[in-house]
Amino acid sequence: MKLIILEHYSQASEWAAKYIRNRIIQFNP
C-alpha cells in the first residue's frame, strides 16, 4: 500500500473516513 501524503490534515481525515467507510461497506453482508 502506497503512503499517501496530503497537504492538509482536513483532507487526510476526510480521505481516511471515506476509505474506512468503503472498507466497512465491502465487508458487510
C-alpha atoms as a PDB file:
ATOM      1  CA  MET A   1       0.000   0.000   0.000  1.00  0.00           C
ATOM      2  CA  LYS A   2       1.410   3.333  -1.025  1.00  0.00           C
ATOM      3  CA  LEU A   3       1.925   6.050   1.532  1.00  0.00           C
ATOM      4  CA  ILE A   4      -0.401   8.885   0.629  1.00  0.00           C
ATOM      5  CA  ILE A   5       0.771  12.320   1.715  1.00  0.00           C
ATOM      6  CA  LEU A   6      -1.784  15.111   1.730  1.00  0.00           C
ATOM      7  CA  GLU A   7      -1.093  18.774   2.283  1.00  0.00           C
ATOM      8  CA  HIS A   8      -3.915  19.470   4.697  1.00  0.00           C
ATOM      9  CA  TYR A   9      -4.958  17.473   7.742  1.00  0.00           C
ATOM     10  CA  SER A  10      -8.630  18.027   6.903  1.00  0.00           C
ATOM     11  CA  GLN A  11      -8.116  16.334   3.537  1.00  0.00           C
ATOM     12  CA  ALA A  12      -6.277  13.452   5.184  1.00  0.00           C
ATOM     13  CA  SER A  13      -9.013  12.907   7.766  1.00  0.00           C
ATOM     14  CA  GLU A  14     -11.699  13.108   5.084  1.00  0.00           C
ATOM     15  CA  TRP A  15      -9.842  10.575   2.918  1.00  0.00           C
ATOM     16  CA  ALA A  16      -9.382   8.255   5.881  1.00  0.00           C
ATOM     17  CA  ALA A  17     -13.072   8.458   6.760  1.00  0.00           C
ATOM     18  CA  LYS A  18     -14.108   7.631   3.194  1.00  0.00           C
ATOM     19  CA  TYR A  19     -11.593   4.783   2.986  1.00  0.00           C
ATOM     20  CA  ILE A  20     -12.716   3.202   6.262  1.00  0.00           C
ATOM     21  CA  ARG A  21     -16.377   3.633   5.324  1.00  0.00           C
ATOM     22  CA  ASN A  22     -15.810   1.932   1.975  1.00  0.00           C
ATOM     23  CA  ARG A  23     -13.962  -0.949   3.652  1.00  0.00           C
ATOM     24  CA  ILE A  24     -16.850  -1.455   6.092  1.00  0.00           C
ATOM     25  CA  ILE A  25     -19.372  -1.406   3.253  1.00  0.00           C
ATOM     26  CA  GLN A  26     -17.368  -4.021   1.346  1.00  0.00           C
ATOM     27  CA  PHE A  27     -17.283  -6.406   4.316  1.00  0.00           C
ATOM     28  CA  ASN A  28     -20.946  -6.003   5.265  1.00  0.00           C
ATOM     29  CA  PRO A  29     -23.147  -8.899   4.113  1.00  0.00           C
END
